[in-house]
Amino acid sequence: MSFEFSREILIDGAPADIAGVMFDPARETEWMTAVSSSVPQSRGITPGAEVKRTSNVGGSDVAWSTTVDAFHFPHILRLVIVSGGFIKYEVQRHGAGSVARIRATSHADLFGFDLEKLKGLVERA
C-alpha cells in the first residue's frame, strides 16, 4: 500500500529563506512532527547524498533513509526514499511571498508535514 501526500502554503518570505529551513535535514524535527531524528551522512546537498532518519509511526520507531535525486537551490529538492517512494519540495515566488509545496509518496506517513510550523519558523526569523 502506498500513501500520497500533497501540501502547499503561502509564506511571507523569499524562496532562499524558506529553502534554508525546508531543505535543511537538521531542521526537519522543527516542522515534521513524525520525524524524531535526521542525520546527514555527508556534508551538503548533492546528488546521491544520504540522510538517515527515524520517525514515529503509530507508536513505533521506523528507520528510513533518503538520497538526493535532484537539487536546484532555492527552488527544488527531490529525495528518493530508499525503501520506496519520494519527497519533492518546491518553492516559488508568489507576489510578495512564496509558495512552498510538498509532494510525497511512501508506504506510511513518515513525515507529519506541518506547514504552519514551517511558515512560523520562516516568518519569525
N, C-alpha and C. Protein backbone atom coordinates (compact mmCIF):
# COMPACT_ATOMS: atom_id res chain seq x y z
N MET A 1 0.84 -1.17 0.00
CA MET A 1 0.00 0.00 0.00
C MET A 1 0.89 1.24 0.00
N SER A 2 0.50 2.22 -0.77
CA SER A 2 1.27 3.45 -0.88
C SER A 2 0.37 4.64 -0.53
N PHE A 3 0.94 5.59 0.17
CA PHE A 3 0.24 6.81 0.53
C PHE A 3 0.82 7.96 -0.27
N GLU A 4 -0.04 8.88 -0.69
CA GLU A 4 0.40 10.08 -1.39
C GLU A 4 0.07 11.29 -0.53
N PHE A 5 1.01 12.22 -0.48
CA PHE A 5 0.85 13.43 0.31
C PHE A 5 1.10 14.62 -0.60
N SER A 6 0.27 15.64 -0.48
CA SER A 6 0.43 16.86 -1.25
C SER A 6 -0.01 18.02 -0.36
N ARG A 7 0.89 18.96 -0.14
CA ARG A 7 0.60 20.11 0.71
C ARG A 7 1.20 21.35 0.07
N GLU A 8 0.58 22.51 0.34
CA GLU A 8 1.18 23.77 -0.06
C GLU A 8 0.70 24.87 0.86
N ILE A 9 1.54 25.91 0.95
CA ILE A 9 1.22 27.04 1.82
C ILE A 9 1.90 28.29 1.29
N LEU A 10 1.26 29.44 1.46
CA LEU A 10 1.85 30.73 1.10
C LEU A 10 2.58 31.25 2.33
N ILE A 11 3.85 31.60 2.15
CA ILE A 11 4.68 32.07 3.26
C ILE A 11 5.22 33.45 2.90
N ASP A 12 5.21 34.36 3.87
CA ASP A 12 5.75 35.70 3.69
C ASP A 12 7.27 35.62 3.84
N GLY A 13 7.94 35.26 2.75
CA GLY A 13 9.39 35.12 2.77
C GLY A 13 9.92 34.82 1.39
N ALA A 14 11.20 35.06 1.22
CA ALA A 14 11.87 34.78 -0.05
C ALA A 14 12.12 33.28 -0.19
N PRO A 15 12.19 32.77 -1.41
CA PRO A 15 12.47 31.35 -1.59
C PRO A 15 13.71 30.87 -0.84
N ALA A 16 14.78 31.66 -0.83
CA ALA A 16 16.01 31.24 -0.14
C ALA A 16 15.79 31.10 1.36
N ASP A 17 14.97 31.97 1.95
CA ASP A 17 14.68 31.87 3.39
C ASP A 17 13.88 30.61 3.70
N ILE A 18 12.93 30.29 2.85
CA ILE A 18 12.10 29.09 3.06
C ILE A 18 12.94 27.84 2.84
N ALA A 19 13.69 27.80 1.74
CA ALA A 19 14.53 26.63 1.45
C ALA A 19 15.58 26.43 2.53
N GLY A 20 16.05 27.52 3.14
CA GLY A 20 17.04 27.42 4.21
C GLY A 20 16.54 26.59 5.38
N VAL A 21 15.25 26.59 5.61
CA VAL A 21 14.65 25.77 6.66
C VAL A 21 14.17 24.44 6.08
N MET A 22 13.41 24.52 5.01
CA MET A 22 12.74 23.35 4.43
C MET A 22 13.72 22.30 3.90
N PHE A 23 14.84 22.73 3.32
CA PHE A 23 15.78 21.81 2.70
C PHE A 23 16.85 21.32 3.69
N ASP A 24 16.87 21.82 4.92
CA ASP A 24 17.91 21.50 5.90
C ASP A 24 17.50 20.31 6.76
N PRO A 25 18.16 19.15 6.60
CA PRO A 25 17.76 17.98 7.38
C PRO A 25 17.88 18.20 8.89
N ALA A 26 18.79 19.05 9.31
CA ALA A 26 18.96 19.33 10.74
C ALA A 26 17.76 20.05 11.34
N ARG A 27 16.91 20.64 10.50
CA ARG A 27 15.75 21.39 10.99
C ARG A 27 14.43 20.65 10.81
N GLU A 28 14.47 19.44 10.26
CA GLU A 28 13.23 18.70 9.99
C GLU A 28 12.39 18.46 11.23
N THR A 29 13.03 18.19 12.35
CA THR A 29 12.25 17.90 13.57
C THR A 29 11.49 19.13 14.05
N GLU A 30 11.82 20.31 13.54
CA GLU A 30 11.12 21.53 13.92
C GLU A 30 9.77 21.68 13.22
N TRP A 31 9.59 21.01 12.08
CA TRP A 31 8.33 21.18 11.34
C TRP A 31 7.75 19.89 10.76
N MET A 32 8.43 18.80 10.92
CA MET A 32 7.91 17.49 10.50
C MET A 32 7.63 16.70 11.77
N THR A 33 6.37 16.63 12.17
CA THR A 33 6.02 16.13 13.50
C THR A 33 6.29 14.65 13.71
N ALA A 34 6.38 13.86 12.67
CA ALA A 34 6.66 12.43 12.83
C ALA A 34 8.15 12.13 12.94
N VAL A 35 9.00 13.04 12.47
CA VAL A 35 10.45 12.80 12.44
C VAL A 35 11.06 13.10 13.80
N SER A 36 11.73 12.09 14.38
CA SER A 36 12.38 12.28 15.69
C SER A 36 13.88 12.46 15.56
N SER A 37 14.48 12.02 14.47
CA SER A 37 15.90 12.28 14.23
C SER A 37 16.17 12.31 12.73
N SER A 38 17.17 13.11 12.36
CA SER A 38 17.54 13.28 10.96
C SER A 38 19.04 13.53 10.93
N VAL A 39 19.80 12.57 10.39
CA VAL A 39 21.26 12.63 10.46
C VAL A 39 21.86 12.53 9.06
N PRO A 40 22.37 13.66 8.53
CA PRO A 40 23.04 13.61 7.23
C PRO A 40 24.28 12.71 7.31
N GLN A 41 24.51 11.95 6.26
CA GLN A 41 25.66 11.06 6.21
C GLN A 41 26.85 11.70 5.50
N SER A 42 26.64 12.90 4.95
CA SER A 42 27.72 13.66 4.32
C SER A 42 27.35 15.13 4.38
N ARG A 43 28.31 15.99 4.08
CA ARG A 43 28.06 17.44 4.11
C ARG A 43 27.42 17.89 2.80
N GLY A 44 26.52 18.83 2.92
CA GLY A 44 25.94 19.46 1.74
C GLY A 44 24.82 18.66 1.11
N ILE A 45 24.16 19.33 0.18
CA ILE A 45 23.07 18.71 -0.57
C ILE A 45 23.57 18.53 -2.00
N THR A 46 23.97 17.31 -2.30
CA THR A 46 24.47 16.98 -3.63
C THR A 46 23.81 15.68 -4.08
N PRO A 47 23.70 15.46 -5.38
CA PRO A 47 23.11 14.20 -5.84
C PRO A 47 23.78 12.99 -5.19
N GLY A 48 22.96 12.09 -4.67
CA GLY A 48 23.45 10.90 -4.01
C GLY A 48 23.66 11.04 -2.51
N ALA A 49 23.65 12.27 -1.99
CA ALA A 49 23.84 12.47 -0.55
C ALA A 49 22.72 11.78 0.22
N GLU A 50 23.08 11.12 1.32
CA GLU A 50 22.11 10.34 2.09
C GLU A 50 21.83 10.98 3.45
N VAL A 51 20.59 10.87 3.88
CA VAL A 51 20.19 11.28 5.22
C VAL A 51 19.44 10.11 5.84
N LYS A 52 19.86 9.72 7.05
CA LYS A 52 19.17 8.66 7.79
C LYS A 52 18.25 9.32 8.81
N ARG A 53 17.02 8.82 8.89
CA ARG A 53 16.01 9.40 9.77
C ARG A 53 15.33 8.31 10.58
N THR A 54 14.70 8.77 11.67
CA THR A 54 13.79 7.92 12.45
C THR A 54 12.50 8.70 12.61
N SER A 55 11.39 8.02 12.38
CA SER A 55 10.06 8.62 12.55
C SER A 55 9.24 7.75 13.48
N ASN A 56 8.27 8.39 14.15
CA ASN A 56 7.33 7.65 14.96
C ASN A 56 6.06 7.46 14.14
N VAL A 57 5.75 6.21 13.84
CA VAL A 57 4.58 5.87 13.03
C VAL A 57 3.72 4.92 13.84
N GLY A 58 2.55 5.38 14.26
CA GLY A 58 1.64 4.53 15.03
C GLY A 58 2.24 4.03 16.33
N GLY A 59 3.08 4.85 16.96
CA GLY A 59 3.69 4.48 18.23
C GLY A 59 4.98 3.68 18.12
N SER A 60 5.41 3.36 16.91
CA SER A 60 6.65 2.61 16.71
C SER A 60 7.68 3.46 15.98
N ASP A 61 8.95 3.29 16.35
CA ASP A 61 10.03 3.97 15.64
C ASP A 61 10.31 3.24 14.34
N VAL A 62 10.41 4.01 13.26
CA VAL A 62 10.68 3.46 11.94
C VAL A 62 11.91 4.17 11.38
N ALA A 63 12.95 3.40 11.06
CA ALA A 63 14.16 3.95 10.44
C ALA A 63 13.94 4.02 8.93
N TRP A 64 14.38 5.12 8.34
CA TRP A 64 14.28 5.27 6.89
C TRP A 64 15.36 6.23 6.41
N SER A 65 15.68 6.14 5.14
CA SER A 65 16.75 6.96 4.56
C SER A 65 16.29 7.55 3.23
N THR A 66 16.91 8.68 2.89
CA THR A 66 16.69 9.28 1.58
C THR A 66 18.03 9.55 0.93
N THR A 67 18.01 9.62 -0.40
CA THR A 67 19.16 10.12 -1.15
C THR A 67 18.67 11.26 -2.04
N VAL A 68 19.54 12.23 -2.27
CA VAL A 68 19.20 13.37 -3.10
C VAL A 68 19.18 12.93 -4.56
N ASP A 69 18.06 13.18 -5.22
CA ASP A 69 17.91 12.86 -6.64
C ASP A 69 18.12 14.10 -7.51
N ALA A 70 17.60 15.24 -7.08
CA ALA A 70 17.73 16.50 -7.82
C ALA A 70 17.73 17.66 -6.83
N PHE A 71 18.51 18.70 -7.16
CA PHE A 71 18.62 19.85 -6.27
C PHE A 71 18.90 21.09 -7.09
N HIS A 72 18.08 22.11 -6.88
CA HIS A 72 18.28 23.42 -7.51
C HIS A 72 17.87 24.47 -6.48
N PHE A 73 18.84 24.95 -5.69
CA PHE A 73 18.54 25.90 -4.62
C PHE A 73 18.14 27.23 -5.23
N PRO A 74 17.12 27.88 -4.72
CA PRO A 74 16.24 27.55 -3.61
C PRO A 74 14.88 27.02 -4.05
N HIS A 75 14.82 26.43 -5.23
CA HIS A 75 13.50 26.09 -5.78
C HIS A 75 13.09 24.62 -5.70
N ILE A 76 14.01 23.69 -5.86
CA ILE A 76 13.62 22.27 -5.92
C ILE A 76 14.61 21.39 -5.15
N LEU A 77 14.05 20.48 -4.37
CA LEU A 77 14.82 19.39 -3.76
C LEU A 77 13.96 18.14 -3.91
N ARG A 78 14.51 17.15 -4.60
CA ARG A 78 13.79 15.87 -4.77
C ARG A 78 14.63 14.79 -4.11
N LEU A 79 13.98 14.07 -3.20
CA LEU A 79 14.61 12.99 -2.45
C LEU A 79 13.96 11.66 -2.80
N VAL A 80 14.77 10.63 -2.94
CA VAL A 80 14.27 9.28 -3.14
C VAL A 80 14.31 8.58 -1.79
N ILE A 81 13.20 7.99 -1.38
CA ILE A 81 13.16 7.20 -0.15
C ILE A 81 13.70 5.82 -0.51
N VAL A 82 14.78 5.40 0.17
CA VAL A 82 15.47 4.17 -0.18
C VAL A 82 14.53 2.96 -0.16
N SER A 83 13.60 2.90 0.78
CA SER A 83 12.68 1.76 0.88
C SER A 83 11.49 1.87 -0.08
N GLY A 84 11.45 2.94 -0.87
CA GLY A 84 10.39 3.14 -1.85
C GLY A 84 9.65 4.44 -1.61
N GLY A 85 9.47 5.20 -2.67
CA GLY A 85 8.77 6.47 -2.58
C GLY A 85 9.70 7.64 -2.84
N PHE A 86 9.16 8.83 -2.68
CA PHE A 86 9.95 10.04 -2.91
C PHE A 86 9.34 11.20 -2.14
N ILE A 87 10.13 12.27 -2.02
CA ILE A 87 9.66 13.55 -1.48
C ILE A 87 10.15 14.62 -2.45
N LYS A 88 9.27 15.54 -2.83
CA LYS A 88 9.68 16.66 -3.67
C LYS A 88 9.24 17.94 -3.00
N TYR A 89 10.22 18.82 -2.72
CA TYR A 89 9.96 20.14 -2.17
C TYR A 89 10.12 21.15 -3.31
N GLU A 90 9.18 22.08 -3.41
CA GLU A 90 9.27 23.16 -4.39
C GLU A 90 8.96 24.48 -3.70
N VAL A 91 9.71 25.51 -4.05
CA VAL A 91 9.47 26.85 -3.52
C VAL A 91 9.50 27.82 -4.70
N GLN A 92 8.42 28.56 -4.87
CA GLN A 92 8.32 29.51 -5.98
C GLN A 92 7.83 30.86 -5.47
N ARG A 93 8.41 31.92 -6.00
CA ARG A 93 7.98 33.28 -5.67
C ARG A 93 6.51 33.44 -6.06
N HIS A 94 5.74 34.11 -5.19
CA HIS A 94 4.32 34.37 -5.46
C HIS A 94 3.99 35.72 -4.84
N GLY A 95 3.90 36.75 -5.66
CA GLY A 95 3.64 38.09 -5.15
C GLY A 95 4.75 38.53 -4.21
N ALA A 96 4.37 39.02 -3.03
CA ALA A 96 5.35 39.46 -2.04
C ALA A 96 5.94 38.30 -1.25
N GLY A 97 5.35 37.13 -1.37
CA GLY A 97 5.82 35.97 -0.62
C GLY A 97 6.24 34.84 -1.54
N SER A 98 6.11 33.63 -1.05
CA SER A 98 6.47 32.44 -1.82
C SER A 98 5.51 31.31 -1.47
N VAL A 99 5.30 30.43 -2.44
CA VAL A 99 4.51 29.23 -2.20
C VAL A 99 5.47 28.07 -1.99
N ALA A 100 5.29 27.37 -0.88
CA ALA A 100 6.06 26.16 -0.59
C ALA A 100 5.14 24.97 -0.84
N ARG A 101 5.61 24.01 -1.64
CA ARG A 101 4.82 22.82 -1.98
C ARG A 101 5.60 21.57 -1.62
N ILE A 102 4.87 20.58 -1.17
CA ILE A 102 5.46 19.27 -0.89
C ILE A 102 4.59 18.22 -1.57
N ARG A 103 5.24 17.30 -2.23
CA ARG A 103 4.55 16.14 -2.79
C ARG A 103 5.38 14.93 -2.39
N ALA A 104 4.74 13.90 -1.88
CA ALA A 104 5.49 12.73 -1.43
C ALA A 104 4.65 11.47 -1.58
N THR A 105 5.33 10.35 -1.75
CA THR A 105 4.69 9.04 -1.67
C THR A 105 5.54 8.17 -0.77
N SER A 106 4.88 7.31 -0.03
CA SER A 106 5.57 6.42 0.90
C SER A 106 4.63 5.31 1.32
N HIS A 107 5.17 4.30 1.98
CA HIS A 107 4.35 3.20 2.49
C HIS A 107 3.61 3.58 3.76
N ALA A 108 3.99 4.71 4.38
CA ALA A 108 3.34 5.20 5.61
C ALA A 108 3.62 6.69 5.73
N ASP A 109 2.92 7.38 6.64
CA ASP A 109 3.22 8.80 6.88
C ASP A 109 4.45 8.88 7.77
N LEU A 110 5.61 8.90 7.13
CA LEU A 110 6.88 9.02 7.83
C LEU A 110 7.19 10.46 8.19
N PHE A 111 6.38 11.39 7.75
CA PHE A 111 6.74 12.80 7.74
C PHE A 111 6.05 13.66 8.79
N GLY A 112 4.74 13.66 8.79
CA GLY A 112 3.99 14.58 9.65
C GLY A 112 4.22 16.02 9.23
N PHE A 113 4.12 16.29 7.93
CA PHE A 113 4.37 17.64 7.42
C PHE A 113 3.45 18.64 8.12
N ASP A 114 4.02 19.64 8.77
CA ASP A 114 3.25 20.70 9.42
C ASP A 114 3.70 22.03 8.81
N LEU A 115 3.04 22.43 7.74
CA LEU A 115 3.45 23.63 7.03
C LEU A 115 3.17 24.91 7.80
N GLU A 116 2.24 24.87 8.74
CA GLU A 116 2.04 26.05 9.61
C GLU A 116 3.27 26.27 10.49
N LYS A 117 3.88 25.19 10.98
CA LYS A 117 5.12 25.32 11.76
C LYS A 117 6.24 25.85 10.88
N LEU A 118 6.36 25.32 9.65
CA LEU A 118 7.37 25.81 8.71
C LEU A 118 7.18 27.30 8.47
N LYS A 119 5.95 27.71 8.23
CA LYS A 119 5.64 29.13 8.00
C LYS A 119 6.07 29.97 9.19
N GLY A 120 5.75 29.53 10.40
CA GLY A 120 6.13 30.26 11.60
C GLY A 120 7.64 30.39 11.75
N LEU A 121 8.38 29.33 11.45
CA LEU A 121 9.84 29.36 11.54
C LEU A 121 10.43 30.39 10.58
N VAL A 122 9.90 30.45 9.37
CA VAL A 122 10.43 31.38 8.36
C VAL A 122 10.01 32.81 8.67
N GLU A 123 8.75 33.02 9.01
CA GLU A 123 8.26 34.39 9.20
C GLU A 123 8.76 35.02 10.49
N ARG A 124 9.16 34.23 11.48
CA ARG A 124 9.70 34.78 12.73
C ARG A 124 11.19 35.06 12.65
N ALA A 125 11.84 34.54 11.62
CA ALA A 125 13.31 34.68 11.51
C ALA A 125 13.71 36.10 11.19
